[in-house]
Amino acid sequence: MARECKGETGATARPSRRRLVQTAAIALTSGAAAMLGSEPAAAQGAAGNADPELIRLQSARRILLKGGIVLSGDPRVGDFAAADILIEDGTIREVRPGIAADDAAVVDAGHRIVIAGFVDTHSHSYQGLLRDTLPNGIVDPDYNRDIQNNITFHYDPADAYAGMLATALALLDMGTTTIVDLSQANHSPEHSDALIGALHEAGIRAVFGYSRGAGPRAQYPQDVDRLRRRYFSSSDQLLTLALGVSLEPKMWEFARQQGLRAIVHIRLNPEPLLALGRAGLIRPGDEFIHCTHLNEAAWRLIKESGGFTSHSPHVEMAMAHGMPSIQDALDHGLRPSLSSDHAATVGQDMFGMMRTTFYLQRLFVLQRRRNGEQNTPPLLTCRDVLEFATLAGARCAALDDKVGTLTPGKQADIVVLRADRLNVWPLNNAPSAVVNIMNPGHVEAVFVAGKVKKWRGRLVGVDADRVRRLTAAARDSVLARSGFRLDPVG
């Protein structure tokens, strides 16, 4: 059983950190709907003063990415060895060679690969303070004992804010433009406000999967009414709302009453899931995470109900969740999405997740063939895996009408990758380069809804020293309260 959270009782007073979070919360509660559609303060600042081209991009209504290798992800649009992308008011207007737009700010994308932004469909983002805390950990007992049932309980709102901000900025830096966040630190309304405030400051597109908290001030799930009124009054914004749930029927009933998609972890026992199906509580668009150890009936239920699956093969292998179920999903007609889960033990970059998925599925299929099995599944291709990281993720997040492909009419969530680095050059196959060769160091530029978030390899308008100080102080504070001891060289 989870222990009760101590909240701020007995915590060392840190007024400057509290003021920071309170300021963010006040700013969000004052005209929240308007703010959520505007440019965050963190995306402006000193970085823009040093680069005239960046200044021009930040103020431009139209932006033209010129001459890049375009992997649109949309068969109707196609892929191009050299093409242009016209962005207008944050929306993709055209994708083709030879676009002329005299009034646009032009970006030379020569020797670059241009793709849709990555979509991470399962991130416990508040744990940005806890990177590498469990270098050799497994889910039971290490993760559940040390993080879920100890350290998490000792987060105050400032810690939640710092952890979320650290994760969101890191993911943007690595080319992930959309996340489904499941931060299980909603210990009070102030914690929830802090988490949402950090997402907004980072400027990432996110589904806030409102999840549980602990302690006497926890208001989950009923506080969702307040959150919806204050922060999610419009669907035309970067932040949208879902409900992180357990397998208890009452939580699914609540999600259905609220008209929210349900997001659930399912690993070891499919029977509670099947019971939810028999009760008629599963709806199209619900998200199912990990999906290891499911039986045939559970897979049929997910498929037939219109559900989507999220897989973390690197975490699942390293931390003993079970055999990653990528092939099971494919066998049942599902296109799996990919997710980072957390950084306590593994990396959160989509390049690593794509490679893990590609290698693992091919290993198993090839072994089956070597063992004489006939009619084995097809081998995944690099294009398949890139789709999992983009369009399949957007579908899982219920955002595929907005993002996931470079399609005219969708919002301009775009990643520009350098293909002229010596560890990529000469470029002979773009999908293979993205999936098999590249890493976060190749992410040169990132756009979210047409706003430039990373430029020339650096996050825009982010005071990295300030973020480092904030997160280090939060880490020290929460680990001291929890009694968890780090070994920096162990």
Protein backbone atom coordinates (compact mmCIF):
# COMPACT_ATOMS: atom_id res chain seq x y z
CA MET A 1 0.00 0.00 0.00
CA ALA A 2 1.16 3.52 -0.69
CA ARG A 3 2.11 5.50 2.40
CA GLU A 4 0.62 8.89 3.10
CA CYS A 5 2.50 11.86 1.71
CA LYS A 6 3.95 14.26 4.26
CA GLY A 7 3.47 17.21 1.93
CA GLU A 8 5.39 20.21 3.26
CA THR A 9 5.27 19.21 6.93
CA GLY A 10 8.79 19.22 8.29
CA ALA A 11 10.27 20.38 5.01
CA THR A 12 13.08 22.92 4.99
CA ALA A 13 11.69 26.35 4.16
CA ARG A 14 12.58 27.43 0.64
CA PRO A 15 10.59 30.63 0.02
CA SER A 16 12.27 31.46 -3.27
CA ARG A 17 11.22 28.13 -4.83
CA ARG A 18 7.70 28.46 -3.49
CA ARG A 19 7.42 31.99 -4.84
CA LEU A 20 8.53 30.73 -8.26
CA VAL A 21 5.76 28.13 -8.39
CA GLN A 22 3.17 30.48 -6.92
CA THR A 23 4.04 33.06 -9.56
CA ALA A 24 3.61 30.47 -12.32
CA ALA A 25 0.29 29.32 -10.87
CA ILE A 26 -1.03 32.88 -10.54
CA ALA A 27 -0.02 33.65 -14.12
CA LEU A 28 -1.82 30.56 -15.36
CA THR A 29 -4.98 31.19 -13.36
CA SER A 30 -5.23 34.74 -14.72
CA GLY A 31 -6.61 34.38 -18.19
CA ALA A 32 -5.46 30.79 -18.54
CA ALA A 33 -7.19 30.12 -21.84
CA ALA A 34 -5.58 33.14 -23.44
CA MET A 35 -2.15 32.30 -22.06
CA LEU A 36 -2.27 28.71 -23.23
CA GLY A 37 -2.63 29.95 -26.78
CA SER A 38 0.20 32.46 -26.52
CA GLU A 39 3.98 32.23 -26.67
CA PRO A 40 5.44 31.27 -23.26
CA ALA A 41 7.83 33.72 -21.68
CA ALA A 42 10.51 31.01 -21.60
CA ALA A 43 10.60 30.95 -25.40
CA GLN A 44 11.70 34.57 -25.56
CA GLY A 45 14.76 36.28 -24.22
CA ALA A 46 18.47 36.67 -24.64
CA ALA A 47 18.92 33.89 -27.21
CA GLY A 48 16.79 35.83 -29.66
CA ASN A 49 18.98 38.93 -29.39
CA ALA A 50 22.09 37.22 -30.72
CA ASP A 51 20.83 35.69 -33.97
CA PRO A 52 19.10 37.90 -36.57
CA GLU A 53 17.73 34.88 -38.40
CA LEU A 54 16.15 33.58 -35.20
CA ILE A 55 14.62 36.98 -34.49
CA ARG A 56 13.12 36.97 -37.96
CA LEU A 57 11.69 33.47 -37.45
CA GLN A 58 10.17 34.39 -34.10
CA SER A 59 8.28 37.33 -35.59
CA ALA A 60 7.42 35.80 -38.99
CA ARG A 61 3.87 34.90 -39.91
CA ARG A 62 5.17 32.70 -42.74
CA ILE A 63 8.23 30.46 -42.62
CA LEU A 64 9.65 28.52 -45.56
CA LEU A 65 11.88 25.50 -44.95
CA LYS A 66 13.77 25.23 -48.20
CA GLY A 67 15.43 22.26 -49.91
CA GLY A 68 15.33 19.63 -47.20
CA ILE A 69 14.90 15.87 -47.49
CA VAL A 70 11.25 15.60 -46.44
CA LEU A 71 9.81 12.46 -44.86
CA SER A 72 6.19 13.55 -44.57
CA GLY A 73 4.77 10.36 -43.08
CA ASP A 74 1.66 10.89 -45.22
CA PRO A 75 1.41 8.76 -48.37
CA ARG A 76 -0.88 11.35 -49.95
CA VAL A 77 1.85 13.98 -49.60
CA GLY A 78 4.79 11.68 -50.28
CA ASP A 79 8.48 11.91 -49.47
CA PHE A 80 11.00 14.06 -51.29
CA ALA A 81 14.75 14.00 -51.81
CA ALA A 82 14.47 17.80 -51.91
CA ALA A 83 11.35 19.83 -51.15
CA ASP A 84 10.04 22.87 -49.31
CA ILE A 85 7.59 23.27 -46.43
CA LEU A 86 5.58 26.46 -46.06
CA ILE A 87 4.35 27.28 -42.56
CA GLU A 88 1.71 29.96 -42.16
CA ASP A 89 0.34 31.09 -38.78
CA GLY A 90 1.68 27.92 -37.19
CA THR A 91 0.05 25.60 -39.73
CA ILE A 92 1.62 23.62 -42.58
CA ARG A 93 0.27 25.11 -45.82
CA GLU A 94 2.28 23.38 -48.55
CA VAL A 95 4.78 20.55 -48.90
CA ARG A 96 6.36 20.25 -52.34
CA PRO A 97 9.40 21.28 -54.37
CA GLY A 98 9.67 24.81 -55.67
CA ILE A 99 7.46 26.80 -53.30
CA ALA A 100 7.76 30.55 -53.81
CA ALA A 101 6.90 32.82 -50.88
CA ASP A 102 8.63 36.18 -51.09
CA ASP A 103 7.24 37.39 -47.75
CA ALA A 104 8.34 34.30 -45.79
CA ALA A 105 11.33 33.91 -43.49
CA VAL A 106 13.44 31.34 -45.33
CA VAL A 107 15.34 28.55 -43.60
CA ASP A 108 17.94 26.70 -45.69
CA ALA A 109 17.26 23.01 -45.00
CA GLY A 110 19.87 21.67 -47.40
CA HIS A 111 21.63 18.55 -46.12
CA ARG A 112 18.86 18.25 -43.51
CA ILE A 113 16.15 15.64 -42.97
CA VAL A 114 12.78 17.14 -42.03
CA ILE A 115 10.27 14.98 -40.14
CA ALA A 116 7.19 15.40 -37.99
CA GLY A 117 7.93 15.87 -34.29
CA PHE A 118 8.18 12.75 -32.17
CA VAL A 119 5.24 11.82 -29.94
CA ASP A 120 5.99 10.16 -26.59
CA THR A 121 2.80 8.52 -25.32
CA HIS A 122 3.75 7.75 -21.71
CA SER A 123 6.02 9.93 -19.60
CA HIS A 124 6.15 10.23 -15.81
CA SER A 125 7.56 13.67 -16.35
CA TYR A 126 7.68 14.83 -12.73
CA GLN A 127 10.60 12.41 -12.31
CA GLY A 128 12.94 14.70 -14.24
CA LEU A 129 14.73 15.20 -10.91
CA LEU A 130 15.43 11.48 -10.60
CA ARG A 131 17.51 10.65 -13.67
CA ASP A 132 19.87 7.73 -13.03
CA THR A 133 18.70 7.25 -9.45
CA LEU A 134 18.12 3.53 -10.16
CA PRO A 135 20.96 2.70 -12.57
CA ASN A 136 20.44 -1.05 -12.21
CA GLY A 137 16.89 -1.05 -10.87
CA ILE A 138 13.96 -3.28 -11.74
CA VAL A 139 10.28 -2.45 -11.35
CA ASP A 140 9.81 -4.66 -8.26
CA PRO A 141 11.11 -4.06 -5.73
CA ASP A 142 13.33 -1.11 -6.65
CA TYR A 143 11.13 1.28 -8.63
CA ASN A 144 7.90 0.70 -6.75
CA ARG A 145 9.61 0.75 -3.35
CA ASP A 146 11.99 3.67 -3.82
CA ILE A 147 10.23 5.98 -6.26
CA GLN A 148 6.50 5.25 -6.29
CA ASN A 149 6.15 4.53 -2.56
CA ASN A 150 8.82 6.78 -1.10
CA ILE A 151 10.42 9.60 -3.08
CA THR A 152 7.22 10.63 -4.88
CA PHE A 153 5.41 11.18 -1.58
CA HIS A 154 7.94 13.83 -0.59
CA TYR A 155 7.47 16.12 -3.61
CA ASP A 156 6.18 19.58 -2.82
CA PRO A 157 4.73 21.80 -5.60
CA ALA A 158 8.13 23.34 -6.36
CA ASP A 159 9.63 19.87 -6.83
CA ALA A 160 6.80 18.85 -9.16
CA TYR A 161 7.32 22.03 -11.17
CA ALA A 162 11.08 21.53 -11.47
CA GLY A 163 10.81 17.86 -12.39
CA MET A 164 8.20 18.50 -15.07
CA LEU A 165 10.14 21.44 -16.52
CA ALA A 166 13.37 19.43 -16.67
CA THR A 167 11.68 16.59 -18.55
CA ALA A 168 9.68 18.74 -20.95
CA LEU A 169 12.69 20.82 -21.98
CA ALA A 170 14.88 17.74 -22.33
CA LEU A 171 12.34 16.05 -24.59
CA LEU A 172 12.02 19.15 -26.77
CA ASP A 173 15.80 19.24 -27.01
CA MET A 174 15.74 15.63 -28.29
CA GLY A 175 13.03 16.24 -30.91
CA THR A 176 9.94 15.13 -28.99
CA THR A 177 7.27 17.78 -29.55
CA THR A 178 4.31 16.00 -27.90
CA ILE A 179 4.00 13.98 -24.71
CA VAL A 180 1.27 12.15 -22.84
CA ASP A 181 2.18 13.04 -19.28
CA LEU A 182 1.26 10.82 -16.33
CA SER A 183 2.77 12.60 -13.35
CA GLN A 184 1.61 10.73 -10.28
CA ALA A 185 2.44 13.59 -7.92
CA ASN A 186 -0.91 15.41 -7.73
CA HIS A 187 -0.73 15.59 -3.94
CA SER A 188 -2.72 18.85 -3.81
CA PRO A 189 -4.32 21.35 -6.19
CA GLU A 190 -1.09 23.35 -5.94
CA HIS A 191 0.91 20.36 -7.17
CA SER A 192 -1.37 20.05 -10.20
CA ASP A 193 -1.10 23.78 -10.92
CA ALA A 194 2.69 23.53 -10.73
CA LEU A 195 2.83 20.60 -13.15
CA ILE A 196 0.63 22.37 -15.67
CA GLY A 197 2.57 25.61 -15.22
CA ALA A 198 5.83 23.85 -16.09
CA LEU A 199 4.33 22.28 -19.22
CA HIS A 200 3.15 25.68 -20.35
CA GLU A 201 6.50 27.32 -19.64
CA ALA A 202 8.33 24.68 -21.66
CA GLY A 203 6.01 25.22 -24.64
CA ILE A 204 5.68 21.52 -25.43
CA ARG A 205 2.46 20.01 -26.76
CA ALA A 206 1.08 17.73 -24.06
CA VAL A 207 -1.82 15.60 -22.98
CA PHE A 208 -2.05 16.15 -19.22
CA GLY A 209 -3.10 12.71 -18.05
CA TYR A 210 -4.32 13.86 -14.64
CA SER A 211 -3.18 11.14 -12.26
CA ARG A 212 -3.24 10.19 -8.63
CA GLY A 213 -1.57 11.85 -5.69
CA ALA A 214 -1.20 11.01 -2.02
CA GLY A 215 -1.68 12.67 1.35
CA PRO A 216 -4.44 14.61 3.10
CA ARG A 217 -4.65 17.38 0.48
CA ALA A 218 -4.93 15.14 -2.58
CA GLN A 219 -8.04 15.99 -4.59
CA TYR A 220 -7.76 13.34 -7.32
CA PRO A 221 -9.94 12.71 -9.24
CA GLN A 222 -12.57 15.32 -8.37
CA ASP A 223 -10.22 18.28 -8.92
CA VAL A 224 -10.44 17.55 -12.62
CA ASP A 225 -13.49 19.85 -12.76
CA ARG A 226 -11.43 22.80 -11.54
CA LEU A 227 -8.52 21.92 -13.84
CA ARG A 228 -10.79 21.70 -16.85
CA ARG A 229 -12.38 25.10 -16.18
CA ARG A 230 -9.08 26.80 -15.47
CA TYR A 231 -6.69 25.31 -18.00
CA PHE A 232 -8.51 23.20 -20.57
CA SER A 233 -11.52 25.25 -21.65
CA SER A 234 -10.47 25.02 -25.30
CA SER A 235 -9.38 22.09 -27.44
CA ASP A 236 -7.45 24.52 -29.68
CA GLN A 237 -4.35 24.79 -27.49
CA LEU A 238 -1.11 22.95 -26.83
CA LEU A 239 -2.36 21.33 -23.60
CA THR A 240 -5.26 18.89 -23.57
CA LEU A 241 -6.73 16.71 -20.84
CA ALA A 242 -7.15 12.99 -20.15
CA LEU A 243 -7.42 10.88 -16.98
CA GLY A 244 -4.75 8.52 -15.72
CA VAL A 245 -6.60 5.65 -14.06
CA SER A 246 -6.09 2.37 -12.28
CA LEU A 247 -7.97 -0.81 -13.18
CA GLU A 248 -10.66 -0.08 -10.58
CA PRO A 249 -14.11 0.18 -12.20
CA LYS A 250 -15.04 3.30 -10.21
CA MET A 251 -12.20 5.23 -11.87
CA TRP A 252 -13.41 4.22 -15.32
CA GLU A 253 -16.95 5.19 -14.39
CA PHE A 254 -15.62 8.61 -13.34
CA ALA A 255 -13.73 9.00 -16.64
CA ARG A 256 -16.86 8.12 -18.58
CA GLN A 257 -18.96 10.61 -16.58
CA GLN A 258 -16.38 13.30 -17.31
CA GLY A 259 -16.14 12.44 -21.00
CA LEU A 260 -12.40 11.88 -20.72
CA ARG A 261 -10.15 9.32 -22.35
CA ALA A 262 -8.76 6.83 -19.84
CA ILE A 263 -5.04 5.98 -19.73
CA VAL A 264 -4.05 2.83 -17.83
CA HIS A 265 -0.98 0.73 -17.10
CA ILE A 266 -1.66 -2.97 -17.69
CA ARG A 267 1.09 -5.54 -17.18
CA LEU A 268 0.59 -8.74 -15.25
CA ASN A 269 -3.06 -9.74 -15.04
CA PRO A 270 -5.55 -9.22 -17.87
CA GLU A 271 -8.62 -10.22 -15.84
CA PRO A 272 -9.44 -6.77 -14.42
CA LEU A 273 -9.24 -5.37 -17.94
CA LEU A 274 -11.61 -8.03 -19.24
CA ALA A 275 -14.01 -7.22 -16.39
CA LEU A 276 -13.99 -3.56 -17.46
CA GLY A 277 -14.86 -4.69 -20.96
CA ARG A 278 -17.76 -6.81 -19.72
CA ALA A 279 -19.03 -3.81 -17.78
CA GLY A 280 -19.00 -1.69 -20.92
CA LEU A 281 -16.56 0.85 -19.46
CA ILE A 282 -13.94 0.89 -22.23
CA ARG A 283 -14.34 3.48 -24.99
CA PRO A 284 -12.62 4.21 -28.32
CA GLY A 285 -9.44 6.20 -27.79
CA ASP A 286 -8.50 4.78 -24.40
CA GLU A 287 -4.77 4.14 -23.99
CA PHE A 288 -3.20 0.94 -22.66
CA ILE A 289 0.44 1.07 -21.50
CA HIS A 290 2.99 -1.80 -21.62
CA CYS A 291 0.46 -4.59 -22.38
CA THR A 292 2.88 -7.32 -21.37
CA HIS A 293 1.38 -10.68 -20.28
CA LEU A 294 -1.98 -10.06 -21.97
CA ASN A 295 -4.00 -13.00 -23.24
CA GLU A 296 -5.84 -13.31 -26.54
CA ALA A 297 -9.13 -12.06 -25.10
CA ALA A 298 -7.49 -8.89 -23.73
CA TRP A 299 -5.83 -8.11 -27.05
CA ARG A 300 -9.12 -8.58 -28.88
CA LEU A 301 -10.82 -6.26 -26.39
CA ILE A 302 -8.30 -3.47 -26.97
CA LYS A 303 -8.54 -3.80 -30.73
CA GLU A 304 -12.31 -4.12 -30.93
CA SER A 305 -12.94 -1.29 -28.48
CA GLY A 306 -10.88 1.15 -30.55
CA GLY A 307 -8.06 1.39 -28.03
CA PHE A 308 -4.41 2.29 -28.59
CA THR A 309 -1.27 0.84 -27.07
CA SER A 310 1.89 2.48 -25.74
CA HIS A 311 5.11 0.49 -25.43
CA SER A 312 8.42 1.19 -23.66
CA PRO A 313 10.58 -1.69 -24.88
CA HIS A 314 13.83 -0.34 -23.38
CA VAL A 315 12.24 0.01 -19.91
CA GLU A 316 10.31 -3.25 -20.20
CA MET A 317 13.48 -5.21 -20.95
CA ALA A 318 15.75 -3.45 -18.47
CA MET A 319 13.31 -3.31 -15.55
CA ALA A 320 11.53 -6.69 -15.81
CA HIS A 321 8.09 -5.55 -16.91
CA GLY A 322 8.00 -8.53 -19.25
CA MET A 323 8.70 -9.23 -22.89
CA PRO A 324 7.87 -6.12 -24.94
CA SER A 325 4.62 -6.71 -26.78
CA ILE A 326 5.34 -4.90 -30.05
CA GLN A 327 4.73 -8.04 -32.12
CA ASP A 328 1.59 -8.91 -30.15
CA ALA A 329 0.16 -5.50 -31.02
CA LEU A 330 1.06 -5.93 -34.68
CA ASP A 331 -0.42 -9.43 -34.74
CA HIS A 332 -3.73 -7.99 -33.55
CA GLY A 333 -3.87 -5.23 -36.14
CA LEU A 334 -2.62 -2.41 -33.91
CA ARG A 335 0.09 0.09 -34.79
CA PRO A 336 2.03 0.51 -31.53
CA SER A 337 3.19 3.86 -30.21
CA LEU A 338 6.44 4.35 -28.31
CA SER A 339 7.05 5.92 -24.93
CA SER A 340 9.93 6.75 -22.60
CA ASP A 341 8.20 5.99 -19.26
CA HIS A 342 10.85 7.59 -17.00
CA ALA A 343 14.57 8.34 -16.79
CA ALA A 344 15.39 6.76 -13.42
CA THR A 345 17.07 3.85 -15.24
CA VAL A 346 17.01 4.43 -19.03
CA GLY A 347 17.24 7.26 -21.56
CA GLN A 348 14.19 9.12 -22.84
CA ASP A 349 15.27 9.87 -26.40
CA MET A 350 13.07 8.57 -29.21
CA PHE A 351 16.09 7.55 -31.30
CA GLY A 352 17.03 4.93 -28.72
CA MET A 353 13.43 3.74 -28.46
CA MET A 354 13.13 3.38 -32.22
CA ARG A 355 16.34 1.40 -32.45
CA THR A 356 15.35 -0.89 -29.58
CA THR A 357 12.02 -1.60 -31.27
CA PHE A 358 13.58 -2.19 -34.67
CA TYR A 359 16.26 -4.57 -33.42
CA LEU A 360 14.04 -6.48 -31.00
CA GLN A 361 11.24 -7.28 -33.42
CA ARG A 362 13.63 -8.34 -36.16
CA LEU A 363 15.62 -10.52 -33.76
CA PHE A 364 12.54 -12.48 -32.71
CA VAL A 365 11.18 -12.91 -36.22
CA LEU A 366 14.56 -13.99 -37.60
CA GLN A 367 15.03 -16.46 -34.75
CA ARG A 368 11.63 -17.97 -35.52
CA ARG A 369 12.65 -18.36 -39.14
CA ARG A 370 15.95 -19.97 -38.17
CA ASN A 371 14.01 -22.42 -36.02
CA GLY A 372 12.08 -23.52 -39.09
CA GLU A 373 8.83 -21.67 -38.49
CA GLN A 374 6.83 -20.89 -41.60
CA ASN A 375 4.62 -17.85 -42.32
CA THR A 376 6.36 -15.60 -39.82
CA PRO A 377 5.42 -11.92 -39.51
CA PRO A 378 7.12 -9.43 -41.79
CA LEU A 379 10.23 -7.71 -40.54
CA LEU A 380 9.73 -4.15 -39.40
CA THR A 381 11.18 -1.50 -41.68
CA CYS A 382 12.70 1.82 -40.72
CA ARG A 383 9.61 3.53 -42.08
CA ASP A 384 7.39 1.41 -39.81
CA VAL A 385 9.34 2.40 -36.72
CA LEU A 386 9.42 6.09 -37.66
CA GLU A 387 5.63 5.87 -38.01
CA PHE A 388 5.38 4.39 -34.50
CA ALA A 389 7.34 7.38 -33.17
CA THR A 390 5.19 9.98 -34.95
CA LEU A 391 1.78 9.18 -36.46
CA ALA A 392 0.99 6.17 -34.24
CA GLY A 393 1.88 8.29 -31.24
CA ALA A 394 -0.35 11.13 -32.42
CA ARG A 395 -3.24 8.69 -32.83
CA CYS A 396 -2.67 7.29 -29.34
CA ALA A 397 -2.70 10.84 -27.96
CA ALA A 398 -5.91 11.66 -29.89
CA LEU A 399 -4.00 14.38 -31.74
CA ASP A 400 -3.57 12.88 -35.21
CA ASP A 401 -5.89 15.51 -36.68
CA LYS A 402 -3.32 18.10 -35.61
CA VAL A 403 0.14 16.47 -35.68
CA GLY A 404 2.03 13.28 -36.49
CA THR A 405 2.67 13.89 -40.20
CA LEU A 406 3.82 16.77 -42.39
CA THR A 407 0.40 17.24 -43.93
CA PRO A 408 -1.00 20.56 -45.15
CA GLY A 409 -3.61 21.70 -42.67
CA LYS A 410 -1.90 20.16 -39.65
CA GLN A 411 -0.02 22.21 -37.10
CA ALA A 412 3.67 22.69 -37.77
CA ASP A 413 5.29 20.38 -35.21
CA ILE A 414 8.51 19.79 -37.11
CA VAL A 415 12.02 18.49 -36.40
CA VAL A 416 15.02 19.34 -38.59
CA LEU A 417 17.88 16.83 -38.41
CA ARG A 418 21.45 17.47 -39.56
CA ALA A 419 22.50 14.93 -42.16
CA ASP A 420 25.89 16.43 -42.95
CA ARG A 421 27.64 15.30 -39.78
CA LEU A 422 30.55 12.95 -40.37
CA ASN A 423 28.76 10.17 -38.46
CA VAL A 424 25.89 10.30 -40.98
CA TRP A 425 27.55 11.50 -44.17
CA PRO A 426 27.30 10.44 -46.95
CA LEU A 427 23.55 10.14 -46.60
CA ASN A 428 22.28 7.19 -48.63
CA ASN A 429 18.89 6.43 -47.09
CA ALA A 430 17.00 8.98 -44.99
CA PRO A 431 14.60 6.67 -43.03
CA SER A 432 17.53 4.44 -42.09
CA ALA A 433 19.61 7.41 -41.04
CA VAL A 434 16.87 8.62 -38.69
CA VAL A 435 16.15 5.22 -37.13
CA ASN A 436 19.50 3.44 -37.25
CA ILE A 437 22.21 6.09 -37.12
CA MET A 438 21.05 9.39 -35.67
CA ASN A 439 20.85 10.48 -32.05
CA PRO A 440 19.65 13.60 -30.19
CA GLY A 441 22.82 15.43 -31.20
CA HIS A 442 21.49 15.58 -34.76
CA VAL A 443 18.40 17.59 -33.75
CA GLU A 444 19.18 21.04 -35.12
CA ALA A 445 15.78 22.76 -35.01
CA VAL A 446 12.40 22.06 -33.43
CA PHE A 447 9.11 23.80 -34.13
CA VAL A 448 5.89 23.41 -32.12
CA ALA A 449 2.82 24.90 -33.81
CA GLY A 450 5.23 26.87 -35.96
CA LYS A 451 7.05 28.41 -32.99
CA VAL A 452 10.78 27.76 -32.96
CA LYS A 453 11.77 25.92 -29.77
CA LYS A 454 15.27 24.85 -30.77
CA TRP A 455 17.55 26.59 -33.22
CA ARG A 456 21.06 25.77 -34.38
CA GLY A 457 21.22 22.98 -31.81
CA ARG A 458 20.20 25.10 -28.80
CA LEU A 459 16.88 25.51 -27.01
CA VAL A 460 15.43 28.95 -27.62
CA GLY A 461 14.91 31.35 -24.73
CA VAL A 462 15.80 28.80 -22.07
CA ASP A 463 18.08 29.90 -19.25
CA ALA A 464 19.84 26.57 -18.87
CA ASP A 465 21.79 27.68 -15.79
CA ARG A 466 18.56 28.64 -14.06
CA VAL A 467 16.95 25.30 -14.92
CA ARG A 468 20.00 23.42 -13.66
CA ARG A 469 19.95 25.32 -10.36
CA LEU A 470 16.22 24.79 -9.97
CA THR A 471 16.32 21.07 -10.61
CA ALA A 472 19.42 20.41 -8.51
CA ALA A 473 17.89 22.22 -5.54
CA ALA A 474 14.62 20.33 -5.95
CA ARG A 475 16.43 17.00 -6.21
CA ASP A 476 18.47 17.67 -3.09
CA SER A 477 15.40 18.71 -1.16
CA VAL A 478 13.11 15.84 -2.10
CA LEU A 479 15.81 13.19 -1.65
CA ALA A 480 16.73 14.59 1.76
CA ARG A 481 13.11 14.40 2.89
CA SER A 482 12.71 10.88 1.53
CA GLY A 483 15.96 9.58 3.03
CA PHE A 484 17.06 8.18 -0.32
CA ARG A 485 20.83 8.18 -0.71
CA LEU A 486 22.50 8.70 -4.07
CA ASP A 487 25.76 7.05 -5.10
CA PRO A 488 27.10 9.24 -7.92
CA VAL A 489 29.81 6.75 -8.91
CA GLY A 490 28.16 3.44 -7.91
